[in-house]
Amino acid sequence: MSKEHLDKIVAQFPEAVVETHSLCGDHTALVRRDKWLEVMSFVRDELGLDHFIDLTAVDYLGREQGKDRFEVVVHLRSSQSGERLRLKARVPENNPAIDTLCGLWQGANWFERECHEMYGIKFKGHPDLRPLLLYPEFKGYPLRKDYPIDRRQPRVALLAPETGRSPRPGDETPHGHDPGFKADK
């Protein structure tokens, strides 16, 4: 049935759909970035894919010449029929921005914040792109493939002194077992 959804998207937006494919029950449409919000509105309102599942990005560093480095990927589902659909849009490295989906699905908010924080993709019209997982002084985008694995980040002063979590000394309960536990030999 989701194959029919792909056909309806292509029929409604022939200039916006770059390609579609179906493989192992997964149906995917690659959509032009400038038509992203328009296609998503159609998919939600006309096709009934009302359940926002996930949003992430993929970094294709070193992709062949002429293709954009990033893809934003969204997974949707119909709460009525259970059908699923994946929609993607390519985003260039020199202008990593795409329209926000927060106006269509409130649940897109934190996913877009995470994607912005980890990949540096801006979501135009997003109400709040503050860091969600990293501290504000963090430099760079750690899920980009060119992020240096040994990069040192600026240290941040602790707001309060650290204290242990366990009321007992660590050696009193070896490996989390009862203090009277004896291993078989």
N, C-alpha and C. Protein backbone atom coordinates (compact mmCIF):
# COMPACT_ATOMS: atom_id res chain seq x y z
N MET A 1 0.82 -1.20 0.00
CA MET A 1 0.00 0.00 0.00
C MET A 1 0.87 1.27 0.00
N SER A 2 1.99 1.26 0.69
CA SER A 2 2.84 2.44 0.70
C SER A 2 3.42 2.73 -0.68
N LYS A 3 3.53 1.70 -1.52
CA LYS A 3 3.94 1.91 -2.91
C LYS A 3 2.92 2.82 -3.59
N GLU A 4 1.65 2.66 -3.25
CA GLU A 4 0.62 3.54 -3.78
C GLU A 4 0.82 4.97 -3.29
N HIS A 5 1.28 5.12 -2.04
CA HIS A 5 1.59 6.46 -1.53
C HIS A 5 2.70 7.11 -2.35
N LEU A 6 3.73 6.34 -2.68
CA LEU A 6 4.80 6.88 -3.52
C LEU A 6 4.26 7.35 -4.86
N ASP A 7 3.39 6.55 -5.46
CA ASP A 7 2.80 6.92 -6.75
C ASP A 7 1.98 8.20 -6.64
N LYS A 8 1.26 8.37 -5.53
CA LYS A 8 0.45 9.57 -5.33
C LYS A 8 1.34 10.81 -5.13
N ILE A 9 2.44 10.64 -4.44
CA ILE A 9 3.37 11.76 -4.24
C ILE A 9 3.96 12.18 -5.58
N VAL A 10 4.37 11.21 -6.38
CA VAL A 10 4.95 11.51 -7.70
C VAL A 10 3.91 12.19 -8.59
N ALA A 11 2.66 11.71 -8.54
CA ALA A 11 1.60 12.30 -9.36
C ALA A 11 1.31 13.75 -8.94
N GLN A 12 1.32 14.00 -7.64
CA GLN A 12 1.01 15.33 -7.11
C GLN A 12 2.19 16.30 -7.28
N PHE A 13 3.42 15.79 -7.15
CA PHE A 13 4.62 16.63 -7.19
C PHE A 13 5.66 16.04 -8.15
N PRO A 14 5.37 15.97 -9.44
CA PRO A 14 6.33 15.35 -10.35
C PRO A 14 7.67 16.09 -10.41
N GLU A 15 7.65 17.41 -10.21
CA GLU A 15 8.89 18.18 -10.25
C GLU A 15 9.67 18.13 -8.94
N ALA A 16 9.02 17.70 -7.87
CA ALA A 16 9.65 17.70 -6.55
C ALA A 16 10.32 16.38 -6.20
N VAL A 17 9.87 15.29 -6.79
CA VAL A 17 10.40 13.97 -6.44
C VAL A 17 11.58 13.64 -7.35
N VAL A 18 12.73 13.46 -6.74
CA VAL A 18 13.95 13.16 -7.48
C VAL A 18 13.97 11.69 -7.87
N GLU A 19 13.62 10.82 -6.91
CA GLU A 19 13.58 9.38 -7.16
C GLU A 19 12.76 8.70 -6.08
N THR A 20 12.31 7.48 -6.38
CA THR A 20 11.61 6.65 -5.39
C THR A 20 12.15 5.24 -5.53
N HIS A 21 12.04 4.48 -4.45
CA HIS A 21 12.34 3.05 -4.53
C HIS A 21 11.62 2.32 -3.40
N SER A 22 11.41 1.05 -3.64
CA SER A 22 10.81 0.16 -2.65
C SER A 22 11.70 -1.06 -2.55
N LEU A 23 12.11 -1.39 -1.33
CA LEU A 23 13.00 -2.51 -1.12
C LEU A 23 12.66 -3.17 0.21
N CYS A 24 12.35 -4.44 0.18
CA CYS A 24 12.07 -5.22 1.39
C CYS A 24 10.96 -4.60 2.23
N GLY A 25 9.95 -4.07 1.58
CA GLY A 25 8.82 -3.49 2.31
C GLY A 25 9.01 -2.06 2.74
N ASP A 26 10.19 -1.49 2.50
CA ASP A 26 10.44 -0.09 2.84
C ASP A 26 10.29 0.75 1.58
N HIS A 27 9.48 1.78 1.66
CA HIS A 27 9.18 2.65 0.52
C HIS A 27 9.76 4.03 0.79
N THR A 28 10.54 4.53 -0.17
CA THR A 28 11.30 5.75 0.04
C THR A 28 11.11 6.71 -1.13
N ALA A 29 10.99 8.00 -0.79
CA ALA A 29 10.96 9.05 -1.80
C ALA A 29 12.04 10.07 -1.46
N LEU A 30 12.84 10.42 -2.44
CA LEU A 30 13.83 11.48 -2.30
C LEU A 30 13.21 12.73 -2.91
N VAL A 31 13.08 13.77 -2.07
CA VAL A 31 12.35 14.98 -2.43
C VAL A 31 13.31 16.15 -2.52
N ARG A 32 13.07 17.06 -3.45
CA ARG A 32 13.88 18.28 -3.52
C ARG A 32 13.70 19.09 -2.24
N ARG A 33 14.76 19.65 -1.77
CA ARG A 33 14.76 20.38 -0.50
C ARG A 33 13.82 21.58 -0.51
N ASP A 34 13.66 22.27 -1.64
CA ASP A 34 12.80 23.45 -1.69
C ASP A 34 11.31 23.08 -1.67
N LYS A 35 10.97 21.82 -1.85
CA LYS A 35 9.57 21.36 -1.82
C LYS A 35 9.28 20.49 -0.58
N TRP A 36 10.24 20.41 0.31
CA TRP A 36 10.17 19.54 1.50
C TRP A 36 8.90 19.75 2.31
N LEU A 37 8.63 20.96 2.70
CA LEU A 37 7.48 21.25 3.56
C LEU A 37 6.17 21.01 2.82
N GLU A 38 6.12 21.37 1.57
CA GLU A 38 4.90 21.17 0.77
C GLU A 38 4.58 19.68 0.62
N VAL A 39 5.58 18.87 0.34
CA VAL A 39 5.37 17.42 0.20
C VAL A 39 4.98 16.82 1.54
N MET A 40 5.64 17.23 2.60
CA MET A 40 5.33 16.69 3.93
C MET A 40 3.90 17.03 4.35
N SER A 41 3.43 18.23 4.04
CA SER A 41 2.05 18.60 4.35
C SER A 41 1.08 17.69 3.61
N PHE A 42 1.35 17.42 2.35
CA PHE A 42 0.52 16.53 1.55
C PHE A 42 0.50 15.12 2.12
N VAL A 43 1.67 14.63 2.48
CA VAL A 43 1.78 13.27 3.02
C VAL A 43 0.99 13.14 4.32
N ARG A 44 1.07 14.14 5.16
CA ARG A 44 0.33 14.09 6.43
C ARG A 44 -1.17 14.26 6.21
N ASP A 45 -1.56 15.31 5.49
CA ASP A 45 -2.97 15.68 5.38
C ASP A 45 -3.76 14.83 4.38
N GLU A 46 -3.15 14.50 3.26
CA GLU A 46 -3.87 13.79 2.20
C GLU A 46 -3.65 12.28 2.23
N LEU A 47 -2.46 11.86 2.61
CA LEU A 47 -2.17 10.42 2.61
C LEU A 47 -2.35 9.78 3.98
N GLY A 48 -2.54 10.60 5.01
CA GLY A 48 -2.83 10.06 6.35
C GLY A 48 -1.64 9.52 7.11
N LEU A 49 -0.43 9.88 6.71
CA LEU A 49 0.76 9.45 7.46
C LEU A 49 0.98 10.47 8.58
N ASP A 50 0.22 10.29 9.63
CA ASP A 50 0.13 11.28 10.71
C ASP A 50 1.06 11.03 11.88
N HIS A 51 1.72 9.89 11.91
CA HIS A 51 2.56 9.52 13.05
C HIS A 51 4.03 9.76 12.67
N PHE A 52 4.62 10.78 13.29
CA PHE A 52 6.03 11.11 13.08
C PHE A 52 6.86 10.13 13.90
N ILE A 53 7.72 9.35 13.24
CA ILE A 53 8.53 8.35 13.93
C ILE A 53 9.93 8.87 14.26
N ASP A 54 10.61 9.40 13.24
CA ASP A 54 12.03 9.70 13.42
C ASP A 54 12.49 10.72 12.39
N LEU A 55 13.51 11.47 12.76
CA LEU A 55 14.22 12.36 11.83
C LEU A 55 15.69 12.28 12.18
N THR A 56 16.51 12.12 11.16
CA THR A 56 17.95 12.11 11.36
C THR A 56 18.61 12.62 10.08
N ALA A 57 19.92 12.54 10.05
CA ALA A 57 20.67 12.92 8.85
C ALA A 57 21.71 11.86 8.56
N VAL A 58 22.19 11.85 7.34
CA VAL A 58 23.27 10.96 6.92
C VAL A 58 24.34 11.83 6.27
N ASP A 59 25.58 11.59 6.63
CA ASP A 59 26.70 12.34 6.07
C ASP A 59 27.39 11.46 5.04
N TYR A 60 27.32 11.88 3.78
CA TYR A 60 27.98 11.16 2.69
C TYR A 60 29.24 11.92 2.30
N LEU A 61 30.16 12.05 3.23
CA LEU A 61 31.43 12.71 2.95
C LEU A 61 32.14 11.98 1.81
N GLY A 62 32.62 12.73 0.86
CA GLY A 62 33.32 12.12 -0.27
C GLY A 62 32.39 11.58 -1.35
N ARG A 63 31.11 11.95 -1.26
CA ARG A 63 30.15 11.52 -2.29
C ARG A 63 30.60 12.05 -3.65
N GLU A 64 30.20 11.36 -4.70
CA GLU A 64 30.64 11.75 -6.04
C GLU A 64 30.30 13.21 -6.33
N GLN A 65 31.08 13.78 -7.20
CA GLN A 65 30.97 15.21 -7.55
C GLN A 65 29.55 15.55 -8.01
N GLY A 66 29.05 16.68 -7.54
CA GLY A 66 27.74 17.16 -7.97
C GLY A 66 26.59 16.73 -7.09
N LYS A 67 26.81 15.83 -6.15
CA LYS A 67 25.73 15.42 -5.23
C LYS A 67 25.98 16.03 -3.87
N ASP A 68 24.91 16.41 -3.21
CA ASP A 68 25.02 17.05 -1.90
C ASP A 68 25.53 16.08 -0.85
N ARG A 69 26.23 16.62 0.13
CA ARG A 69 26.88 15.80 1.15
C ARG A 69 25.89 15.16 2.12
N PHE A 70 24.87 15.90 2.54
CA PHE A 70 23.97 15.40 3.59
C PHE A 70 22.61 15.01 3.03
N GLU A 71 21.96 14.10 3.75
CA GLU A 71 20.55 13.80 3.50
C GLU A 71 19.82 13.85 4.83
N VAL A 72 18.70 14.55 4.86
CA VAL A 72 17.81 14.53 6.02
C VAL A 72 16.81 13.42 5.74
N VAL A 73 16.58 12.55 6.72
CA VAL A 73 15.73 11.38 6.56
C VAL A 73 14.62 11.41 7.60
N VAL A 74 13.38 11.22 7.14
CA VAL A 74 12.21 11.20 8.03
C VAL A 74 11.46 9.90 7.82
N HIS A 75 11.06 9.27 8.92
CA HIS A 75 10.22 8.08 8.88
C HIS A 75 8.84 8.44 9.42
N LEU A 76 7.82 8.10 8.63
CA LEU A 76 6.43 8.39 9.01
C LEU A 76 5.62 7.10 8.98
N ARG A 77 4.49 7.14 9.69
CA ARG A 77 3.60 5.97 9.77
C ARG A 77 2.16 6.45 9.86
N SER A 78 1.27 5.67 9.32
CA SER A 78 -0.16 5.94 9.45
C SER A 78 -0.65 5.28 10.73
N SER A 79 -1.26 6.06 11.61
CA SER A 79 -1.79 5.47 12.85
C SER A 79 -3.03 4.62 12.58
N GLN A 80 -3.65 4.79 11.43
CA GLN A 80 -4.83 4.00 11.07
C GLN A 80 -4.46 2.66 10.44
N SER A 81 -3.61 2.69 9.43
CA SER A 81 -3.32 1.48 8.67
C SER A 81 -1.99 0.82 9.05
N GLY A 82 -1.11 1.56 9.71
CA GLY A 82 0.20 1.03 10.07
C GLY A 82 1.23 1.12 8.95
N GLU A 83 0.85 1.68 7.81
CA GLU A 83 1.79 1.81 6.70
C GLU A 83 2.90 2.80 7.04
N ARG A 84 4.08 2.53 6.49
CA ARG A 84 5.24 3.36 6.76
C ARG A 84 5.78 3.95 5.46
N LEU A 85 6.47 5.07 5.61
CA LEU A 85 7.08 5.72 4.46
C LEU A 85 8.32 6.48 4.93
N ARG A 86 9.36 6.43 4.11
CA ARG A 86 10.59 7.17 4.39
C ARG A 86 10.71 8.27 3.35
N LEU A 87 10.95 9.50 3.80
CA LEU A 87 11.17 10.62 2.89
C LEU A 87 12.54 11.22 3.20
N LYS A 88 13.26 11.55 2.13
CA LYS A 88 14.61 12.09 2.28
C LYS A 88 14.75 13.35 1.43
N ALA A 89 15.66 14.21 1.84
CA ALA A 89 16.01 15.40 1.06
C ALA A 89 17.51 15.61 1.17
N ARG A 90 18.14 15.93 0.06
CA ARG A 90 19.57 16.22 0.08
C ARG A 90 19.81 17.66 0.49
N VAL A 91 20.88 17.85 1.26
CA VAL A 91 21.23 19.17 1.80
C VAL A 91 22.71 19.41 1.51
N PRO A 92 23.04 20.54 0.86
CA PRO A 92 24.44 20.78 0.51
C PRO A 92 25.29 21.20 1.71
N GLU A 93 26.57 20.93 1.60
CA GLU A 93 27.50 21.27 2.68
C GLU A 93 27.67 22.78 2.82
N ASN A 94 27.60 23.52 1.72
CA ASN A 94 27.84 24.97 1.78
C ASN A 94 26.62 25.74 2.29
N ASN A 95 25.45 25.11 2.34
CA ASN A 95 24.24 25.74 2.89
C ASN A 95 23.37 24.64 3.51
N PRO A 96 23.81 24.10 4.65
CA PRO A 96 23.08 22.98 5.24
C PRO A 96 21.81 23.46 5.96
N ALA A 97 20.75 23.69 5.20
CA ALA A 97 19.50 24.19 5.78
C ALA A 97 18.31 23.58 5.04
N ILE A 98 17.23 23.37 5.80
CA ILE A 98 15.99 22.83 5.25
C ILE A 98 14.85 23.32 6.15
N ASP A 99 13.63 23.34 5.63
CA ASP A 99 12.49 23.82 6.41
C ASP A 99 12.20 22.89 7.59
N THR A 100 11.76 23.49 8.69
CA THR A 100 11.39 22.72 9.87
C THR A 100 10.06 22.01 9.66
N LEU A 101 9.88 20.90 10.35
CA LEU A 101 8.62 20.17 10.32
C LEU A 101 7.84 20.36 11.62
N CYS A 102 8.31 21.24 12.49
CA CYS A 102 7.66 21.46 13.79
C CYS A 102 6.22 21.94 13.66
N GLY A 103 5.90 22.67 12.61
CA GLY A 103 4.54 23.13 12.41
C GLY A 103 3.59 22.00 12.02
N LEU A 104 4.12 20.93 11.48
CA LEU A 104 3.30 19.77 11.09
C LEU A 104 3.25 18.73 12.20
N TRP A 105 4.39 18.44 12.79
CA TRP A 105 4.49 17.46 13.87
C TRP A 105 5.29 18.09 15.01
N GLN A 106 4.67 18.28 16.16
CA GLN A 106 5.38 18.86 17.30
C GLN A 106 6.54 17.96 17.72
N GLY A 107 6.40 16.67 17.49
CA GLY A 107 7.44 15.72 17.87
C GLY A 107 8.73 15.89 17.08
N ALA A 108 8.71 16.65 16.00
CA ALA A 108 9.92 16.87 15.21
C ALA A 108 10.89 17.81 15.93
N ASN A 109 10.41 18.54 16.92
CA ASN A 109 11.20 19.57 17.58
C ASN A 109 12.55 19.05 18.07
N TRP A 110 12.56 18.09 18.96
CA TRP A 110 13.81 17.63 19.55
C TRP A 110 14.66 16.86 18.56
N PHE A 111 14.04 16.16 17.62
CA PHE A 111 14.81 15.46 16.59
C PHE A 111 15.59 16.46 15.74
N GLU A 112 14.94 17.56 15.38
CA GLU A 112 15.63 18.58 14.59
C GLU A 112 16.72 19.27 15.42
N ARG A 113 16.48 19.48 16.69
CA ARG A 113 17.52 20.06 17.54
C ARG A 113 18.74 19.16 17.60
N GLU A 114 18.50 17.86 17.77
CA GLU A 114 19.61 16.91 17.82
C GLU A 114 20.36 16.88 16.48
N CYS A 115 19.63 16.87 15.40
CA CYS A 115 20.24 16.84 14.07
C CYS A 115 21.06 18.11 13.82
N HIS A 116 20.55 19.24 14.25
CA HIS A 116 21.29 20.51 14.12
C HIS A 116 22.58 20.45 14.93
N GLU A 117 22.48 19.94 16.14
CA GLU A 117 23.61 19.88 17.05
C GLU A 117 24.69 18.90 16.59
N MET A 118 24.28 17.77 16.06
CA MET A 118 25.23 16.72 15.69
C MET A 118 25.79 16.86 14.27
N TYR A 119 25.00 17.43 13.35
CA TYR A 119 25.43 17.54 11.95
C TYR A 119 25.58 18.98 11.46
N GLY A 120 25.04 19.95 12.19
CA GLY A 120 25.13 21.34 11.76
C GLY A 120 24.09 21.73 10.73
N ILE A 121 23.05 20.94 10.58
CA ILE A 121 21.99 21.27 9.63
C ILE A 121 21.00 22.20 10.31
N LYS A 122 20.72 23.33 9.68
CA LYS A 122 19.78 24.31 10.24
C LYS A 122 18.38 23.99 9.74
N PHE A 123 17.42 24.13 10.62
CA PHE A 123 16.02 23.91 10.27
C PHE A 123 15.32 25.26 10.29
N LYS A 124 15.09 25.79 9.08
CA LYS A 124 14.53 27.13 8.92
C LYS A 124 13.14 27.19 9.53
N GLY A 125 12.93 28.18 10.41
CA GLY A 125 11.65 28.37 11.06
C GLY A 125 11.50 27.59 12.35
N HIS A 126 12.54 26.90 12.76
CA HIS A 126 12.48 26.13 14.02
C HIS A 126 12.40 27.10 15.20
N PRO A 127 11.54 26.82 16.19
CA PRO A 127 11.35 27.77 17.30
C PRO A 127 12.51 27.85 18.29
N ASP A 128 13.40 26.82 18.33
CA ASP A 128 14.42 26.81 19.38
C ASP A 128 15.51 25.81 19.04
N LEU A 129 16.60 26.27 18.44
CA LEU A 129 17.68 25.36 18.07
C LEU A 129 18.83 25.36 19.09
N ARG A 130 18.51 25.63 20.35
CA ARG A 130 19.54 25.55 21.40
C ARG A 130 20.10 24.13 21.48
N PRO A 131 21.33 23.99 21.99
CA PRO A 131 21.88 22.64 22.17
C PRO A 131 20.98 21.80 23.08
N LEU A 132 20.84 20.56 22.70
CA LEU A 132 19.99 19.62 23.43
C LEU A 132 20.83 18.64 24.23
N LEU A 133 21.91 18.14 23.65
CA LEU A 133 22.72 17.11 24.28
C LEU A 133 24.11 17.59 24.70
N LEU A 134 24.67 18.52 23.96
CA LEU A 134 26.02 18.99 24.24
C LEU A 134 25.97 20.33 24.97
N TYR A 135 27.03 20.67 25.65
CA TYR A 135 27.09 21.95 26.33
C TYR A 135 27.35 23.06 25.31
N PRO A 136 26.93 24.28 25.62
CA PRO A 136 27.00 25.37 24.63
C PRO A 136 28.40 25.67 24.11
N GLU A 137 29.44 25.40 24.88
CA GLU A 137 30.82 25.70 24.46
C GLU A 137 31.39 24.65 23.51
N PHE A 138 30.69 23.56 23.29
CA PHE A 138 31.17 22.48 22.43
C PHE A 138 31.41 23.02 21.02
N LYS A 139 32.53 22.66 20.43
CA LYS A 139 32.90 23.14 19.09
C LYS A 139 32.78 22.01 18.08
N GLY A 140 32.11 22.29 16.97
CA GLY A 140 32.02 21.32 15.88
C GLY A 140 30.74 20.49 15.94
N TYR A 141 30.67 19.53 15.02
CA TYR A 141 29.50 18.67 14.88
C TYR A 141 29.97 17.22 14.93
N PRO A 142 29.80 16.55 16.06
CA PRO A 142 30.46 15.26 16.29
C PRO A 142 30.00 14.09 15.42
N LEU A 143 28.88 14.15 14.74
CA LEU A 143 28.48 13.04 13.89
C LEU A 143 28.86 13.23 12.42
N ARG A 144 29.51 14.34 12.12
CA ARG A 144 30.04 14.50 10.76
C ARG A 144 31.26 13.59 10.61
N LYS A 145 31.39 13.03 9.44
CA LYS A 145 32.48 12.08 9.22
C LYS A 145 33.85 12.72 9.23
N ASP A 146 33.93 14.04 9.05
CA ASP A 146 35.23 14.69 9.09
C ASP A 146 35.54 15.28 10.47
N TYR A 147 34.72 14.99 11.46
CA TYR A 147 35.00 15.46 12.82
C TYR A 147 36.17 14.65 13.37
N PRO A 148 37.23 15.32 13.84
CA PRO A 148 38.42 14.58 14.31
C PRO A 148 38.12 13.78 15.58
N ILE A 149 38.42 12.51 15.55
CA ILE A 149 38.09 11.62 16.67
C ILE A 149 38.85 11.99 17.94
N ASP A 150 40.02 12.61 17.81
CA ASP A 150 40.81 12.96 18.98
C ASP A 150 40.72 14.44 19.34
N ARG A 151 39.71 15.11 18.85
CA ARG A 151 39.57 16.55 19.12
C ARG A 151 39.32 16.80 20.61
N ARG A 152 39.99 17.79 21.15
CA ARG A 152 39.81 18.19 22.55
C ARG A 152 38.79 19.32 22.59
N GLN A 153 37.86 19.24 23.51
CA GLN A 153 36.83 20.25 23.68
C GLN A 153 37.17 21.15 24.86
N PRO A 154 36.66 22.39 24.86
CA PRO A 154 36.94 23.27 26.00
C PRO A 154 36.33 22.70 27.28
N ARG A 155 37.08 22.83 28.36
CA ARG A 155 36.58 22.36 29.66
C ARG A 155 35.58 23.37 30.19
N VAL A 156 34.59 22.85 30.88
CA VAL A 156 33.54 23.68 31.45
C VAL A 156 33.58 23.51 32.96
N ALA A 157 33.52 24.61 33.67
CA ALA A 157 33.55 24.55 35.13
C ALA A 157 32.30 23.83 35.65
N LEU A 158 32.49 23.00 36.68
CA LEU A 158 31.37 22.30 37.30
C LEU A 158 30.50 23.29 38.07
N LEU A 159 29.21 23.09 38.03
CA LEU A 159 28.29 23.95 38.78
C LEU A 159 28.27 23.59 40.25
N ALA A 160 28.54 22.32 40.55
CA ALA A 160 28.58 21.84 41.94
C ALA A 160 29.62 20.74 42.01
N PRO A 161 30.18 20.51 43.19
CA PRO A 161 31.18 19.44 43.30
C PRO A 161 30.54 18.07 43.05
N GLU A 162 31.31 17.19 42.43
CA GLU A 162 30.81 15.84 42.18
C GLU A 162 30.87 15.03 43.46
N THR A 163 29.86 14.21 43.64
CA THR A 163 29.84 13.29 44.79
C THR A 163 29.57 11.90 44.26
N GLY A 164 29.97 10.89 45.04
CA GLY A 164 29.72 9.50 44.64
C GLY A 164 28.24 9.19 44.65
N ARG A 165 27.84 8.24 43.87
CA ARG A 165 26.43 7.87 43.80
C ARG A 165 26.07 6.79 44.80
N SER A 166 27.04 6.00 45.21
CA SER A 166 26.76 4.87 46.09
C SER A 166 27.09 5.24 47.53
N PRO A 167 26.20 4.86 48.46
CA PRO A 167 26.50 5.17 49.86
C PRO A 167 27.60 4.29 50.43
N ARG A 168 27.94 3.17 49.78
CA ARG A 168 28.98 2.27 50.26
C ARG A 168 30.25 2.43 49.44
N PRO A 169 31.38 2.10 50.02
CA PRO A 169 32.62 2.11 49.24
C PRO A 169 32.51 1.07 48.11
N GLY A 170 33.17 1.33 47.00
CA GLY A 170 33.09 0.45 45.85
C GLY A 170 33.56 -0.97 46.10
N ASP A 171 34.56 -1.17 47.01
CA ASP A 171 35.10 -2.51 47.19
C ASP A 171 34.25 -3.36 48.14
N GLU A 172 33.24 -2.79 48.77
CA GLU A 172 32.40 -3.56 49.70
C GLU A 172 31.48 -4.52 48.95
N THR A 173 31.10 -4.17 47.75
CA THR A 173 30.23 -5.07 46.97
C THR A 173 30.89 -5.31 45.60
N PRO A 174 31.82 -6.27 45.55
CA PRO A 174 32.52 -6.49 44.28
C PRO A 174 31.57 -6.93 43.17
N HIS A 175 31.68 -6.29 42.05
CA HIS A 175 30.91 -6.60 40.85
C HIS A 175 29.40 -6.53 41.10
N GLY A 176 28.98 -5.74 42.06
CA GLY A 176 27.57 -5.56 42.31
C GLY A 176 26.89 -6.71 43.03
N HIS A 177 27.67 -7.68 43.53
CA HIS A 177 27.08 -8.84 44.21
C HIS A 177 26.94 -8.57 45.70
N ASP A 178 26.19 -9.42 46.34
CA ASP A 178 26.04 -9.40 47.79
C ASP A 178 27.42 -9.56 48.42
N PRO A 179 27.72 -8.83 49.51
CA PRO A 179 29.06 -8.93 50.13
C PRO A 179 29.43 -10.36 50.53
N GLY A 180 28.45 -11.23 50.82
CA GLY A 180 28.74 -12.59 51.19
C GLY A 180 28.91 -13.53 50.01
N PHE A 181 28.85 -13.02 48.80
CA PHE A 181 28.93 -13.85 47.60
C PHE A 181 30.33 -14.42 47.45
N LYS A 182 30.38 -15.74 47.20
CA LYS A 182 31.67 -16.43 46.95
C LYS A 182 31.57 -17.08 45.57
N ALA A 183 32.49 -16.75 44.73
CA ALA A 183 32.50 -17.34 43.38
C ALA A 183 32.94 -18.79 43.46
N ASP A 184 32.33 -19.66 42.62
CA ASP A 184 32.74 -21.05 42.53
C ASP A 184 34.12 -21.13 41.88
N LYS A 185 34.93 -22.05 42.38
CA LYS A 185 36.28 -22.19 41.80
C LYS A 185 36.40 -23.48 41.07
